[in-house]
Amino acid sequence: MKEEYTDTIVELFYLVIIADGEVDPKELEMGRSMARIEGLDSTEFENGVAKLIKDGREVYADCVSGLKKLTQDSQVKFLAWMCLIANADGFMHNKEWDIIYKLYHKELKLDRQSILDHQFKLNQKLRGYQF
């Protein structure tokens, strides 16, 4: 399950960071912070993202499939992370919002408020985390 968990979060991260056509360094750094806080192997995470960028393949279907295999709590947490990552550069681009909205609302049928509440919890972790 851990490998599938990692693959899904890498795919989701990839979808968000490429959504607006620009890979922002602040979004990448937030992704690295997410990986550390979530206990993901940093090399595995970085290599997974680099592989997807090089492949340029469509990952949306794989990502949705992976998300649907996770618990609702994990789905909420992943989407909350993606909101934080999309906002890391100070602005959530419409295309970033479109992918996040499509995933949480249309694909997973998650409650927006639960994602917002979890973002608050993650922000607290980020402030308390020693890098």
N, C-alpha and C. Protein backbone atom coordinates (compact mmCIF):
# COMPACT_ATOMS: atom_id res chain seq x y z
N MET A 1 0.83 -1.21 0.00
CA MET A 1 0.00 0.00 0.00
C MET A 1 0.87 1.26 0.00
N LYS A 2 2.02 1.21 0.68
CA LYS A 2 2.88 2.39 0.76
C LYS A 2 3.34 2.84 -0.62
N GLU A 3 3.68 1.88 -1.51
CA GLU A 3 4.12 2.25 -2.85
C GLU A 3 2.98 2.91 -3.63
N GLU A 4 1.77 2.36 -3.51
CA GLU A 4 0.63 2.94 -4.19
C GLU A 4 0.33 4.34 -3.64
N TYR A 5 0.46 4.48 -2.34
CA TYR A 5 0.26 5.77 -1.67
C TYR A 5 1.24 6.79 -2.25
N THR A 6 2.51 6.41 -2.33
CA THR A 6 3.54 7.30 -2.87
C THR A 6 3.28 7.61 -4.34
N ASP A 7 2.98 6.60 -5.12
CA ASP A 7 2.70 6.83 -6.55
C ASP A 7 1.55 7.81 -6.73
N THR A 8 0.50 7.64 -5.95
CA THR A 8 -0.68 8.51 -6.08
C THR A 8 -0.36 9.94 -5.69
N ILE A 9 0.36 10.14 -4.61
CA ILE A 9 0.67 11.51 -4.19
C ILE A 9 1.63 12.17 -5.18
N VAL A 10 2.54 11.39 -5.76
CA VAL A 10 3.45 11.93 -6.78
C VAL A 10 2.65 12.33 -8.01
N GLU A 11 1.73 11.48 -8.44
CA GLU A 11 0.91 11.81 -9.61
C GLU A 11 0.05 13.05 -9.37
N LEU A 12 -0.54 13.12 -8.20
CA LEU A 12 -1.38 14.27 -7.86
C LEU A 12 -0.55 15.55 -7.81
N PHE A 13 0.60 15.49 -7.18
CA PHE A 13 1.51 16.62 -7.12
C PHE A 13 1.89 17.08 -8.53
N TYR A 14 2.24 16.12 -9.37
CA TYR A 14 2.61 16.42 -10.76
C TYR A 14 1.48 17.14 -11.49
N LEU A 15 0.26 16.63 -11.35
CA LEU A 15 -0.89 17.25 -12.03
C LEU A 15 -1.07 18.71 -11.62
N VAL A 16 -0.87 18.99 -10.35
CA VAL A 16 -1.05 20.36 -9.85
C VAL A 16 0.09 21.27 -10.30
N ILE A 17 1.33 20.80 -10.20
CA ILE A 17 2.44 21.70 -10.53
C ILE A 17 2.56 22.00 -12.01
N ILE A 18 2.03 21.12 -12.87
CA ILE A 18 2.11 21.40 -14.32
C ILE A 18 0.82 22.03 -14.86
N ALA A 19 -0.20 22.13 -14.04
CA ALA A 19 -1.51 22.59 -14.51
C ALA A 19 -1.46 23.94 -15.21
N ASP A 20 -0.68 24.87 -14.67
CA ASP A 20 -0.63 26.22 -15.25
C ASP A 20 0.49 26.39 -16.27
N GLY A 21 1.21 25.31 -16.57
CA GLY A 21 2.27 25.37 -17.57
C GLY A 21 3.61 25.85 -17.03
N GLU A 22 3.66 26.17 -15.75
CA GLU A 22 4.91 26.62 -15.13
C GLU A 22 5.14 25.85 -13.84
N VAL A 23 6.34 25.31 -13.69
CA VAL A 23 6.71 24.62 -12.46
C VAL A 23 7.44 25.63 -11.59
N ASP A 24 6.75 26.13 -10.57
CA ASP A 24 7.28 27.18 -9.71
C ASP A 24 8.16 26.57 -8.61
N PRO A 25 9.33 27.17 -8.35
CA PRO A 25 10.22 26.66 -7.29
C PRO A 25 9.55 26.60 -5.91
N LYS A 26 8.66 27.54 -5.62
CA LYS A 26 7.99 27.52 -4.32
C LYS A 26 7.02 26.34 -4.21
N GLU A 27 6.40 25.99 -5.31
CA GLU A 27 5.54 24.81 -5.31
C GLU A 27 6.36 23.54 -5.12
N LEU A 28 7.52 23.50 -5.77
CA LEU A 28 8.41 22.34 -5.59
C LEU A 28 8.86 22.21 -4.14
N GLU A 29 9.21 23.33 -3.53
CA GLU A 29 9.65 23.29 -2.13
C GLU A 29 8.52 22.85 -1.21
N MET A 30 7.30 23.32 -1.48
CA MET A 30 6.17 22.88 -0.66
C MET A 30 5.96 21.38 -0.85
N GLY A 31 6.16 20.88 -2.04
CA GLY A 31 6.07 19.44 -2.29
C GLY A 31 7.10 18.67 -1.49
N ARG A 32 8.30 19.19 -1.42
CA ARG A 32 9.35 18.55 -0.62
C ARG A 32 8.98 18.56 0.86
N SER A 33 8.40 19.67 1.32
CA SER A 33 7.94 19.75 2.71
C SER A 33 6.85 18.72 2.98
N MET A 34 5.93 18.60 2.03
CA MET A 34 4.86 17.61 2.15
C MET A 34 5.46 16.21 2.27
N ALA A 35 6.41 15.90 1.41
CA ALA A 35 7.03 14.58 1.42
C ALA A 35 7.69 14.30 2.77
N ARG A 36 8.39 15.29 3.33
CA ARG A 36 9.04 15.09 4.63
C ARG A 36 8.00 14.86 5.72
N ILE A 37 6.98 15.70 5.76
CA ILE A 37 5.96 15.59 6.81
C ILE A 37 5.19 14.28 6.69
N GLU A 38 4.95 13.84 5.48
CA GLU A 38 4.21 12.59 5.25
C GLU A 38 5.09 11.35 5.38
N GLY A 39 6.39 11.56 5.62
CA GLY A 39 7.29 10.43 5.81
C GLY A 39 7.62 9.68 4.53
N LEU A 40 7.53 10.38 3.40
CA LEU A 40 7.87 9.76 2.12
C LEU A 40 9.37 9.84 1.90
N ASP A 41 9.92 8.84 1.28
CA ASP A 41 11.33 8.84 0.93
C ASP A 41 11.57 9.98 -0.06
N SER A 42 12.45 10.90 0.28
CA SER A 42 12.65 12.09 -0.55
C SER A 42 13.20 11.74 -1.93
N THR A 43 14.10 10.79 -2.01
CA THR A 43 14.66 10.40 -3.29
C THR A 43 13.60 9.76 -4.17
N GLU A 44 12.80 8.88 -3.58
CA GLU A 44 11.72 8.23 -4.32
C GLU A 44 10.72 9.26 -4.82
N PHE A 45 10.39 10.23 -3.97
CA PHE A 45 9.45 11.29 -4.34
C PHE A 45 10.01 12.11 -5.50
N GLU A 46 11.23 12.59 -5.36
CA GLU A 46 11.86 13.42 -6.40
C GLU A 46 12.00 12.65 -7.72
N ASN A 47 12.43 11.40 -7.64
CA ASN A 47 12.58 10.59 -8.85
C ASN A 47 11.24 10.33 -9.52
N GLY A 48 10.20 10.12 -8.73
CA GLY A 48 8.87 9.90 -9.29
C GLY A 48 8.37 11.12 -10.05
N VAL A 49 8.58 12.30 -9.48
CA VAL A 49 8.16 13.53 -10.14
C VAL A 49 8.98 13.74 -11.41
N ALA A 50 10.30 13.57 -11.32
CA ALA A 50 11.16 13.75 -12.50
C ALA A 50 10.78 12.79 -13.62
N LYS A 51 10.45 11.55 -13.27
CA LYS A 51 10.06 10.57 -14.27
C LYS A 51 8.78 11.00 -14.99
N LEU A 52 7.81 11.50 -14.24
CA LEU A 52 6.56 11.93 -14.86
C LEU A 52 6.78 13.13 -15.77
N ILE A 53 7.64 14.06 -15.33
CA ILE A 53 7.93 15.24 -16.15
C ILE A 53 8.60 14.81 -17.46
N LYS A 54 9.53 13.88 -17.38
CA LYS A 54 10.22 13.41 -18.59
C LYS A 54 9.28 12.62 -19.49
N ASP A 55 8.45 11.79 -18.90
CA ASP A 55 7.54 10.95 -19.70
C ASP A 55 6.49 11.78 -20.41
N GLY A 56 5.99 12.80 -19.72
CA GLY A 56 4.94 13.63 -20.28
C GLY A 56 3.66 12.86 -20.57
N ARG A 57 3.49 11.71 -19.90
CA ARG A 57 2.30 10.90 -20.17
C ARG A 57 1.11 11.42 -19.39
N GLU A 58 -0.04 10.99 -19.79
CA GLU A 58 -1.27 11.36 -19.10
C GLU A 58 -1.34 10.57 -17.80
N VAL A 59 -1.40 11.26 -16.69
CA VAL A 59 -1.43 10.58 -15.40
C VAL A 59 -2.76 10.75 -14.67
N TYR A 60 -3.65 11.51 -15.25
CA TYR A 60 -4.91 11.80 -14.56
C TYR A 60 -5.67 10.53 -14.20
N ALA A 61 -5.86 9.63 -15.14
CA ALA A 61 -6.62 8.40 -14.88
C ALA A 61 -5.95 7.55 -13.80
N ASP A 62 -4.63 7.44 -13.86
CA ASP A 62 -3.91 6.67 -12.83
C ASP A 62 -4.07 7.32 -11.47
N CYS A 63 -4.01 8.64 -11.44
CA CYS A 63 -4.15 9.38 -10.19
C CYS A 63 -5.54 9.17 -9.59
N VAL A 64 -6.57 9.29 -10.40
CA VAL A 64 -7.94 9.10 -9.92
C VAL A 64 -8.12 7.68 -9.39
N SER A 65 -7.61 6.72 -10.14
CA SER A 65 -7.71 5.32 -9.72
C SER A 65 -7.02 5.10 -8.36
N GLY A 66 -5.83 5.67 -8.22
CA GLY A 66 -5.11 5.56 -6.96
C GLY A 66 -5.83 6.24 -5.81
N LEU A 67 -6.36 7.43 -6.06
CA LEU A 67 -7.09 8.16 -5.02
C LEU A 67 -8.31 7.39 -4.55
N LYS A 68 -9.00 6.75 -5.47
CA LYS A 68 -10.22 6.02 -5.12
C LYS A 68 -9.93 4.78 -4.27
N LYS A 69 -8.71 4.32 -4.27
CA LYS A 69 -8.32 3.16 -3.45
C LYS A 69 -7.97 3.56 -2.01
N LEU A 70 -7.80 4.85 -1.79
CA LEU A 70 -7.41 5.35 -0.47
C LEU A 70 -8.63 5.63 0.40
N THR A 71 -8.40 5.77 1.68
CA THR A 71 -9.48 6.14 2.58
C THR A 71 -9.90 7.57 2.29
N GLN A 72 -11.09 7.92 2.71
CA GLN A 72 -11.56 9.29 2.53
C GLN A 72 -10.67 10.27 3.27
N ASP A 73 -10.18 9.89 4.45
CA ASP A 73 -9.28 10.77 5.20
C ASP A 73 -8.00 11.06 4.40
N SER A 74 -7.45 10.03 3.77
CA SER A 74 -6.25 10.24 2.95
C SER A 74 -6.56 11.09 1.73
N GLN A 75 -7.71 10.89 1.13
CA GLN A 75 -8.11 11.70 -0.02
C GLN A 75 -8.20 13.18 0.38
N VAL A 76 -8.84 13.44 1.50
CA VAL A 76 -8.98 14.82 1.99
C VAL A 76 -7.60 15.42 2.24
N LYS A 77 -6.74 14.65 2.90
CA LYS A 77 -5.39 15.14 3.20
C LYS A 77 -4.62 15.45 1.92
N PHE A 78 -4.68 14.56 0.95
CA PHE A 78 -3.97 14.79 -0.31
C PHE A 78 -4.46 16.05 -1.01
N LEU A 79 -5.78 16.24 -1.07
CA LEU A 79 -6.32 17.42 -1.74
C LEU A 79 -6.00 18.69 -0.96
N ALA A 80 -5.97 18.60 0.36
CA ALA A 80 -5.57 19.75 1.17
C ALA A 80 -4.12 20.12 0.87
N TRP A 81 -3.25 19.13 0.75
CA TRP A 81 -1.86 19.40 0.38
C TRP A 81 -1.79 20.08 -0.99
N MET A 82 -2.58 19.60 -1.92
CA MET A 82 -2.52 20.18 -3.26
C MET A 82 -2.96 21.63 -3.27
N CYS A 83 -3.92 21.98 -2.44
CA CYS A 83 -4.32 23.38 -2.32
C CYS A 83 -3.17 24.22 -1.77
N LEU A 84 -2.48 23.70 -0.77
CA LEU A 84 -1.33 24.43 -0.21
C LEU A 84 -0.22 24.56 -1.24
N ILE A 85 0.02 23.51 -1.99
CA ILE A 85 1.06 23.56 -3.02
C ILE A 85 0.70 24.55 -4.11
N ALA A 86 -0.54 24.52 -4.56
CA ALA A 86 -0.98 25.44 -5.61
C ALA A 86 -0.89 26.89 -5.16
N ASN A 87 -1.05 27.13 -3.88
CA ASN A 87 -0.96 28.49 -3.33
C ASN A 87 0.45 28.88 -2.88
N ALA A 88 1.40 27.97 -2.97
CA ALA A 88 2.75 28.22 -2.44
C ALA A 88 3.43 29.41 -3.10
N ASP A 89 3.10 29.68 -4.35
CA ASP A 89 3.71 30.80 -5.05
C ASP A 89 2.91 32.09 -4.86
N GLY A 90 1.91 32.04 -3.97
CA GLY A 90 1.14 33.23 -3.64
C GLY A 90 -0.14 33.38 -4.44
N PHE A 91 -0.38 32.44 -5.35
CA PHE A 91 -1.56 32.56 -6.21
C PHE A 91 -1.94 31.19 -6.75
N MET A 92 -3.21 30.83 -6.62
CA MET A 92 -3.67 29.59 -7.22
C MET A 92 -4.23 29.92 -8.61
N HIS A 93 -3.53 29.45 -9.61
CA HIS A 93 -3.94 29.67 -11.00
C HIS A 93 -5.27 28.96 -11.25
N ASN A 94 -6.08 29.51 -12.15
CA ASN A 94 -7.37 28.90 -12.48
C ASN A 94 -7.23 27.44 -12.91
N LYS A 95 -6.20 27.13 -13.65
CA LYS A 95 -6.00 25.75 -14.10
C LYS A 95 -5.65 24.82 -12.94
N GLU A 96 -4.93 25.34 -11.95
CA GLU A 96 -4.65 24.54 -10.76
C GLU A 96 -5.96 24.28 -10.00
N TRP A 97 -6.77 25.34 -9.85
CA TRP A 97 -8.05 25.18 -9.18
C TRP A 97 -8.94 24.21 -9.94
N ASP A 98 -8.95 24.29 -11.27
CA ASP A 98 -9.78 23.40 -12.08
C ASP A 98 -9.46 21.93 -11.79
N ILE A 99 -8.18 21.59 -11.74
CA ILE A 99 -7.81 20.18 -11.51
C ILE A 99 -8.17 19.76 -10.09
N ILE A 100 -7.92 20.63 -9.12
CA ILE A 100 -8.25 20.30 -7.73
C ILE A 100 -9.76 20.14 -7.57
N TYR A 101 -10.52 21.08 -8.13
CA TYR A 101 -11.97 21.02 -8.04
C TYR A 101 -12.52 19.76 -8.71
N LYS A 102 -12.03 19.48 -9.88
CA LYS A 102 -12.49 18.30 -10.62
C LYS A 102 -12.25 17.03 -9.80
N LEU A 103 -11.09 16.95 -9.18
CA LEU A 103 -10.77 15.76 -8.39
C LEU A 103 -11.63 15.66 -7.14
N TYR A 104 -11.68 16.72 -6.35
CA TYR A 104 -12.40 16.59 -5.08
C TYR A 104 -13.91 16.59 -5.25
N HIS A 105 -14.42 17.37 -6.18
CA HIS A 105 -15.88 17.50 -6.31
C HIS A 105 -16.49 16.45 -7.24
N LYS A 106 -15.92 16.31 -8.42
CA LYS A 106 -16.53 15.44 -9.41
C LYS A 106 -16.09 13.99 -9.30
N GLU A 107 -14.80 13.78 -9.05
CA GLU A 107 -14.29 12.40 -9.02
C GLU A 107 -14.50 11.73 -7.65
N LEU A 108 -14.19 12.47 -6.57
CA LEU A 108 -14.20 11.87 -5.24
C LEU A 108 -15.41 12.24 -4.39
N LYS A 109 -16.13 13.26 -4.82
CA LYS A 109 -17.32 13.72 -4.08
C LYS A 109 -17.00 14.07 -2.63
N LEU A 110 -15.90 14.79 -2.43
CA LEU A 110 -15.48 15.20 -1.10
C LEU A 110 -16.08 16.55 -0.73
N ASP A 111 -16.22 16.76 0.55
CA ASP A 111 -16.74 18.02 1.08
C ASP A 111 -15.63 19.07 1.10
N ARG A 112 -15.90 20.23 0.51
CA ARG A 112 -14.90 21.30 0.45
C ARG A 112 -14.47 21.74 1.84
N GLN A 113 -15.40 21.82 2.77
CA GLN A 113 -15.07 22.29 4.11
C GLN A 113 -14.08 21.35 4.81
N SER A 114 -14.22 20.06 4.59
CA SER A 114 -13.27 19.13 5.21
C SER A 114 -11.86 19.35 4.67
N ILE A 115 -11.76 19.70 3.39
CA ILE A 115 -10.44 19.99 2.80
C ILE A 115 -9.88 21.27 3.40
N LEU A 116 -10.71 22.29 3.53
CA LEU A 116 -10.27 23.55 4.13
C LEU A 116 -9.83 23.35 5.58
N ASP A 117 -10.59 22.56 6.33
CA ASP A 117 -10.22 22.28 7.72
C ASP A 117 -8.88 21.55 7.79
N HIS A 118 -8.67 20.64 6.87
CA HIS A 118 -7.40 19.90 6.89
C HIS A 118 -6.23 20.79 6.46
N GLN A 119 -6.48 21.73 5.58
CA GLN A 119 -5.42 22.69 5.21
C GLN A 119 -4.95 23.43 6.44
N PHE A 120 -5.87 23.82 7.30
CA PHE A 120 -5.52 24.52 8.54
C PHE A 120 -4.60 23.64 9.38
N LYS A 121 -4.94 22.37 9.52
CA LYS A 121 -4.11 21.45 10.30
C LYS A 121 -2.72 21.30 9.68
N LEU A 122 -2.67 21.20 8.37
CA LEU A 122 -1.37 21.06 7.70
C LEU A 122 -0.53 22.32 7.85
N ASN A 123 -1.16 23.47 7.79
CA ASN A 123 -0.42 24.72 8.00
C ASN A 123 0.19 24.76 9.40
N GLN A 124 -0.53 24.25 10.38
CA GLN A 124 0.02 24.18 11.74
C GLN A 124 1.23 23.25 11.78
N LYS A 125 1.15 22.12 11.09
CA LYS A 125 2.29 21.20 11.02
C LYS A 125 3.49 21.87 10.34
N LEU A 126 3.21 22.59 9.26
CA LEU A 126 4.29 23.26 8.53
C LEU A 126 4.99 24.29 9.42
N ARG A 127 4.22 25.03 10.20
CA ARG A 127 4.82 26.04 11.08
C ARG A 127 5.65 25.41 12.19
N GLY A 128 5.23 24.22 12.64
CA GLY A 128 5.93 23.56 13.73
C GLY A 128 7.00 22.60 13.30
N TYR A 129 7.14 22.39 12.01
CA TYR A 129 8.10 21.41 11.51
C TYR A 129 9.48 22.01 11.41
N GLN A 130 10.46 21.30 11.91
CA GLN A 130 11.86 21.76 11.84
C GLN A 130 12.51 21.20 10.58
N PHE A 131 12.89 22.07 9.67
CA PHE A 131 13.49 21.62 8.40
C PHE A 131 14.96 21.56 8.50
